[in-house]
Amino acid sequence: MICWPLYAEQRMNKVHMVEEMKVGVAVQGYEKELVEADELEAKVRLVMESDEGKKLRERLAMAKKMAADALKEGGSSHMAFDEFLKGLKKSSAELKA
């Protein structure tokens, strides 16, 4: 993943993806609103052709699988959403009583 933050929370997302999850690389120059073509080409080549890029892609594939598993029935996100809905139903019933 090539991270090129433009506005809003994208800079925070870049930090999360590049520094914490280690599934992306950041382009240089976005701070000055100018990313050189050579810089972008270098990052694309890094991601697509280098050993470091291969490791990034492997980590990203693992993160993708973990996210998909969380959404499946019985997954952590699915179960958390079910608990959230149960809480809403309980609160609604208590308000009606």
N, C-alpha and C. Protein backbone atom coordinates (compact mmCIF):
# COMPACT_ATOMS: atom_id res chain seq x y z
N MET A 1 0.85 -1.16 0.00
CA MET A 1 0.00 0.00 0.00
C MET A 1 0.90 1.23 0.00
N ILE A 2 0.61 2.13 -0.91
CA ILE A 2 1.35 3.39 -0.98
C ILE A 2 0.48 4.46 -0.34
N CYS A 3 0.99 5.08 0.70
CA CYS A 3 0.21 6.06 1.46
C CYS A 3 0.59 7.48 1.04
N TRP A 4 -0.42 8.22 0.60
CA TRP A 4 -0.26 9.60 0.17
C TRP A 4 -1.38 10.41 0.79
N PRO A 5 -1.23 10.79 2.04
CA PRO A 5 -2.33 11.50 2.73
C PRO A 5 -2.56 12.88 2.14
N LEU A 6 -3.84 13.22 1.99
CA LEU A 6 -4.20 14.53 1.44
C LEU A 6 -4.86 15.44 2.46
N TYR A 7 -5.83 14.92 3.23
CA TYR A 7 -6.59 15.77 4.14
C TYR A 7 -7.24 14.94 5.23
N ALA A 8 -7.90 15.66 6.13
CA ALA A 8 -8.65 15.06 7.24
C ALA A 8 -7.76 14.10 8.03
N GLU A 9 -8.28 12.90 8.29
CA GLU A 9 -7.57 11.94 9.14
C GLU A 9 -6.57 11.08 8.38
N GLN A 10 -6.33 11.38 7.11
CA GLN A 10 -5.46 10.52 6.31
C GLN A 10 -4.02 10.48 6.82
N ARG A 11 -3.54 11.55 7.42
CA ARG A 11 -2.17 11.52 7.98
C ARG A 11 -2.10 10.53 9.14
N MET A 12 -3.13 10.52 9.97
CA MET A 12 -3.18 9.56 11.07
C MET A 12 -3.27 8.13 10.51
N ASN A 13 -4.07 7.95 9.47
CA ASN A 13 -4.18 6.63 8.84
C ASN A 13 -2.84 6.18 8.27
N LYS A 14 -2.09 7.13 7.68
CA LYS A 14 -0.77 6.82 7.14
C LYS A 14 0.15 6.32 8.24
N VAL A 15 0.16 6.99 9.37
CA VAL A 15 1.01 6.57 10.49
C VAL A 15 0.62 5.16 10.92
N HIS A 16 -0.67 4.91 11.03
CA HIS A 16 -1.14 3.58 11.45
C HIS A 16 -0.70 2.51 10.45
N MET A 17 -0.90 2.75 9.17
CA MET A 17 -0.58 1.75 8.14
C MET A 17 0.92 1.54 7.98
N VAL A 18 1.70 2.64 8.02
CA VAL A 18 3.14 2.55 7.77
C VAL A 18 3.92 2.15 9.02
N GLU A 19 3.68 2.83 10.13
CA GLU A 19 4.51 2.64 11.31
C GLU A 19 4.00 1.55 12.25
N GLU A 20 2.68 1.42 12.37
CA GLU A 20 2.14 0.45 13.32
C GLU A 20 1.89 -0.92 12.68
N MET A 21 1.12 -0.93 11.60
CA MET A 21 0.79 -2.20 10.95
C MET A 21 1.90 -2.69 10.01
N LYS A 22 2.71 -1.75 9.54
CA LYS A 22 3.81 -2.05 8.62
C LYS A 22 3.32 -2.75 7.35
N VAL A 23 2.24 -2.18 6.78
CA VAL A 23 1.67 -2.73 5.54
C VAL A 23 1.72 -1.71 4.41
N GLY A 24 2.43 -0.61 4.62
CA GLY A 24 2.49 0.41 3.58
C GLY A 24 3.76 1.22 3.65
N VAL A 25 3.97 2.01 2.61
CA VAL A 25 5.09 2.95 2.55
C VAL A 25 4.51 4.33 2.25
N ALA A 26 5.14 5.35 2.79
CA ALA A 26 4.67 6.72 2.58
C ALA A 26 5.51 7.39 1.50
N VAL A 27 4.84 8.16 0.65
CA VAL A 27 5.58 8.96 -0.32
C VAL A 27 6.10 10.20 0.39
N GLN A 28 7.22 10.71 -0.10
CA GLN A 28 7.80 11.93 0.46
C GLN A 28 7.35 13.11 -0.38
N GLY A 29 7.09 14.23 0.27
CA GLY A 29 6.73 15.44 -0.44
C GLY A 29 5.28 15.84 -0.25
N TYR A 30 4.47 14.95 0.28
CA TYR A 30 3.05 15.29 0.45
C TYR A 30 2.86 16.45 1.43
N GLU A 31 3.82 16.61 2.35
CA GLU A 31 3.72 17.69 3.33
C GLU A 31 3.71 19.05 2.64
N LYS A 32 4.42 19.15 1.51
CA LYS A 32 4.50 20.40 0.75
C LYS A 32 3.55 20.38 -0.44
N GLU A 33 2.66 19.39 -0.47
CA GLU A 33 1.66 19.22 -1.52
C GLU A 33 2.30 19.01 -2.89
N LEU A 34 3.50 18.40 -2.92
CA LEU A 34 4.15 18.12 -4.18
C LEU A 34 4.90 16.80 -4.07
N VAL A 35 4.38 15.79 -4.73
CA VAL A 35 5.06 14.50 -4.78
C VAL A 35 5.63 14.37 -6.19
N GLU A 36 6.93 14.22 -6.27
CA GLU A 36 7.61 14.10 -7.56
C GLU A 36 7.30 12.75 -8.20
N ALA A 37 7.27 12.73 -9.52
CA ALA A 37 7.00 11.50 -10.26
C ALA A 37 8.04 10.43 -9.94
N ASP A 38 9.30 10.83 -9.80
CA ASP A 38 10.37 9.88 -9.48
C ASP A 38 10.13 9.24 -8.12
N GLU A 39 9.64 10.02 -7.16
CA GLU A 39 9.35 9.50 -5.83
C GLU A 39 8.24 8.47 -5.90
N LEU A 40 7.19 8.79 -6.62
CA LEU A 40 6.07 7.86 -6.75
C LEU A 40 6.50 6.58 -7.47
N GLU A 41 7.28 6.73 -8.53
CA GLU A 41 7.78 5.55 -9.24
C GLU A 41 8.63 4.68 -8.32
N ALA A 42 9.48 5.29 -7.52
CA ALA A 42 10.33 4.53 -6.60
C ALA A 42 9.50 3.74 -5.60
N LYS A 43 8.44 4.35 -5.08
CA LYS A 43 7.59 3.64 -4.11
C LYS A 43 6.82 2.51 -4.77
N VAL A 44 6.33 2.74 -6.01
CA VAL A 44 5.63 1.66 -6.72
C VAL A 44 6.59 0.50 -6.97
N ARG A 45 7.79 0.80 -7.40
CA ARG A 45 8.78 -0.28 -7.64
C ARG A 45 9.12 -1.00 -6.33
N LEU A 46 9.27 -0.24 -5.25
CA LEU A 46 9.56 -0.85 -3.95
C LEU A 46 8.46 -1.85 -3.59
N VAL A 47 7.21 -1.42 -3.71
CA VAL A 47 6.09 -2.29 -3.33
C VAL A 47 5.96 -3.48 -4.28
N MET A 48 6.17 -3.27 -5.56
CA MET A 48 5.91 -4.32 -6.54
C MET A 48 7.10 -5.25 -6.80
N GLU A 49 8.34 -4.76 -6.61
CA GLU A 49 9.49 -5.53 -7.08
C GLU A 49 10.50 -5.92 -6.00
N SER A 50 10.46 -5.31 -4.84
CA SER A 50 11.52 -5.57 -3.85
C SER A 50 11.11 -6.62 -2.83
N ASP A 51 12.11 -7.13 -2.12
CA ASP A 51 11.85 -8.06 -1.01
C ASP A 51 11.03 -7.37 0.08
N GLU A 52 11.34 -6.11 0.35
CA GLU A 52 10.57 -5.36 1.35
C GLU A 52 9.10 -5.26 0.91
N GLY A 53 8.89 -5.02 -0.38
CA GLY A 53 7.53 -4.95 -0.90
C GLY A 53 6.80 -6.27 -0.78
N LYS A 54 7.53 -7.36 -0.99
CA LYS A 54 6.92 -8.69 -0.84
C LYS A 54 6.46 -8.89 0.60
N LYS A 55 7.29 -8.48 1.56
CA LYS A 55 6.92 -8.60 2.97
C LYS A 55 5.71 -7.73 3.30
N LEU A 56 5.68 -6.51 2.73
CA LEU A 56 4.52 -5.63 2.93
C LEU A 56 3.25 -6.30 2.42
N ARG A 57 3.33 -6.85 1.22
CA ARG A 57 2.15 -7.49 0.62
C ARG A 57 1.71 -8.70 1.44
N GLU A 58 2.66 -9.45 1.97
CA GLU A 58 2.31 -10.61 2.81
C GLU A 58 1.60 -10.16 4.09
N ARG A 59 2.13 -9.10 4.73
CA ARG A 59 1.48 -8.59 5.95
C ARG A 59 0.10 -8.04 5.64
N LEU A 60 -0.04 -7.38 4.51
CA LEU A 60 -1.34 -6.83 4.12
C LEU A 60 -2.34 -7.95 3.85
N ALA A 61 -1.90 -9.02 3.20
CA ALA A 61 -2.79 -10.16 2.95
C ALA A 61 -3.25 -10.78 4.27
N MET A 62 -2.34 -10.86 5.24
CA MET A 62 -2.70 -11.41 6.55
C MET A 62 -3.71 -10.50 7.25
N ALA A 63 -3.50 -9.19 7.18
CA ALA A 63 -4.44 -8.24 7.79
C ALA A 63 -5.80 -8.33 7.12
N LYS A 64 -5.81 -8.49 5.81
CA LYS A 64 -7.07 -8.63 5.07
C LYS A 64 -7.83 -9.87 5.53
N LYS A 65 -7.11 -10.98 5.69
CA LYS A 65 -7.75 -12.22 6.14
C LYS A 65 -8.30 -12.06 7.56
N MET A 66 -7.52 -11.42 8.43
CA MET A 66 -7.98 -11.22 9.80
C MET A 66 -9.25 -10.36 9.84
N ALA A 67 -9.30 -9.33 9.00
CA ALA A 67 -10.49 -8.48 8.95
C ALA A 67 -11.69 -9.26 8.43
N ALA A 68 -11.48 -10.06 7.39
CA ALA A 68 -12.57 -10.87 6.84
C ALA A 68 -13.06 -11.88 7.87
N ASP A 69 -12.14 -12.51 8.59
CA ASP A 69 -12.53 -13.48 9.63
C ASP A 69 -13.33 -12.81 10.75
N ALA A 70 -12.98 -11.58 11.08
CA ALA A 70 -13.69 -10.86 12.14
C ALA A 70 -15.15 -10.60 11.75
N LEU A 71 -15.41 -10.46 10.46
CA LEU A 71 -16.76 -10.17 9.99
C LEU A 71 -17.62 -11.41 9.81
N LYS A 72 -16.99 -12.58 9.75
CA LYS A 72 -17.75 -13.82 9.57
C LYS A 72 -18.59 -14.11 10.81
N GLU A 73 -19.62 -14.93 10.62
CA GLU A 73 -20.42 -15.34 11.76
C GLU A 73 -19.51 -16.02 12.79
N GLY A 74 -19.59 -15.56 14.02
CA GLY A 74 -18.72 -16.07 15.08
C GLY A 74 -17.43 -15.29 15.21
N GLY A 75 -17.14 -14.40 14.26
CA GLY A 75 -15.94 -13.57 14.32
C GLY A 75 -16.09 -12.46 15.35
N SER A 76 -14.99 -11.85 15.71
CA SER A 76 -15.01 -10.86 16.79
C SER A 76 -15.89 -9.65 16.47
N SER A 77 -15.84 -9.14 15.26
CA SER A 77 -16.69 -7.99 14.92
C SER A 77 -18.15 -8.38 14.86
N HIS A 78 -18.42 -9.55 14.32
CA HIS A 78 -19.80 -10.04 14.24
C HIS A 78 -20.38 -10.20 15.64
N MET A 79 -19.61 -10.80 16.54
CA MET A 79 -20.09 -11.01 17.91
C MET A 79 -20.25 -9.68 18.65
N ALA A 80 -19.33 -8.75 18.45
CA ALA A 80 -19.42 -7.45 19.11
C ALA A 80 -20.66 -6.69 18.62
N PHE A 81 -20.96 -6.79 17.34
CA PHE A 81 -22.15 -6.12 16.81
C PHE A 81 -23.42 -6.75 17.38
N ASP A 82 -23.42 -8.08 17.50
CA ASP A 82 -24.57 -8.75 18.12
C ASP A 82 -24.78 -8.27 19.56
N GLU A 83 -23.70 -8.14 20.31
CA GLU A 83 -23.80 -7.65 21.69
C GLU A 83 -24.31 -6.21 21.71
N PHE A 84 -23.86 -5.41 20.78
CA PHE A 84 -24.33 -4.03 20.68
C PHE A 84 -25.84 -3.99 20.43
N LEU A 85 -26.31 -4.82 19.50
CA LEU A 85 -27.75 -4.87 19.21
C LEU A 85 -28.55 -5.36 20.41
N LYS A 86 -28.03 -6.34 21.12
CA LYS A 86 -28.71 -6.82 22.33
C LYS A 86 -28.83 -5.69 23.35
N GLY A 87 -27.77 -4.91 23.50
CA GLY A 87 -27.80 -3.78 24.43
C GLY A 87 -28.83 -2.74 24.02
N LEU A 88 -28.93 -2.48 22.72
CA LEU A 88 -29.94 -1.53 22.25
C LEU A 88 -31.35 -2.04 22.53
N LYS A 89 -31.57 -3.32 22.27
CA LYS A 89 -32.90 -3.90 22.52
C LYS A 89 -33.25 -3.83 24.00
N LYS A 90 -32.26 -4.12 24.85
CA LYS A 90 -32.49 -4.08 26.29
C LYS A 90 -32.81 -2.65 26.73
N SER A 91 -32.04 -1.68 26.25
CA SER A 91 -32.28 -0.28 26.60
C SER A 91 -33.65 0.18 26.12
N SER A 92 -34.01 -0.24 24.92
CA SER A 92 -35.31 0.13 24.37
C SER A 92 -36.45 -0.45 25.20
N ALA A 93 -36.29 -1.71 25.61
CA ALA A 93 -37.32 -2.36 26.43
C ALA A 93 -37.43 -1.67 27.79
N GLU A 94 -36.30 -1.27 28.37
CA GLU A 94 -36.32 -0.59 29.67
C GLU A 94 -36.98 0.78 29.57
N LEU A 95 -36.79 1.46 28.46
CA LEU A 95 -37.42 2.78 28.28
C LEU A 95 -38.93 2.66 28.13
N LYS A 96 -39.38 1.58 27.53
CA LYS A 96 -40.82 1.37 27.32
C LYS A 96 -41.51 0.94 28.61
N ALA A 97 -40.75 0.35 29.51
CA ALA A 97 -41.35 -0.18 30.76
C ALA A 97 -41.66 0.89 31.76
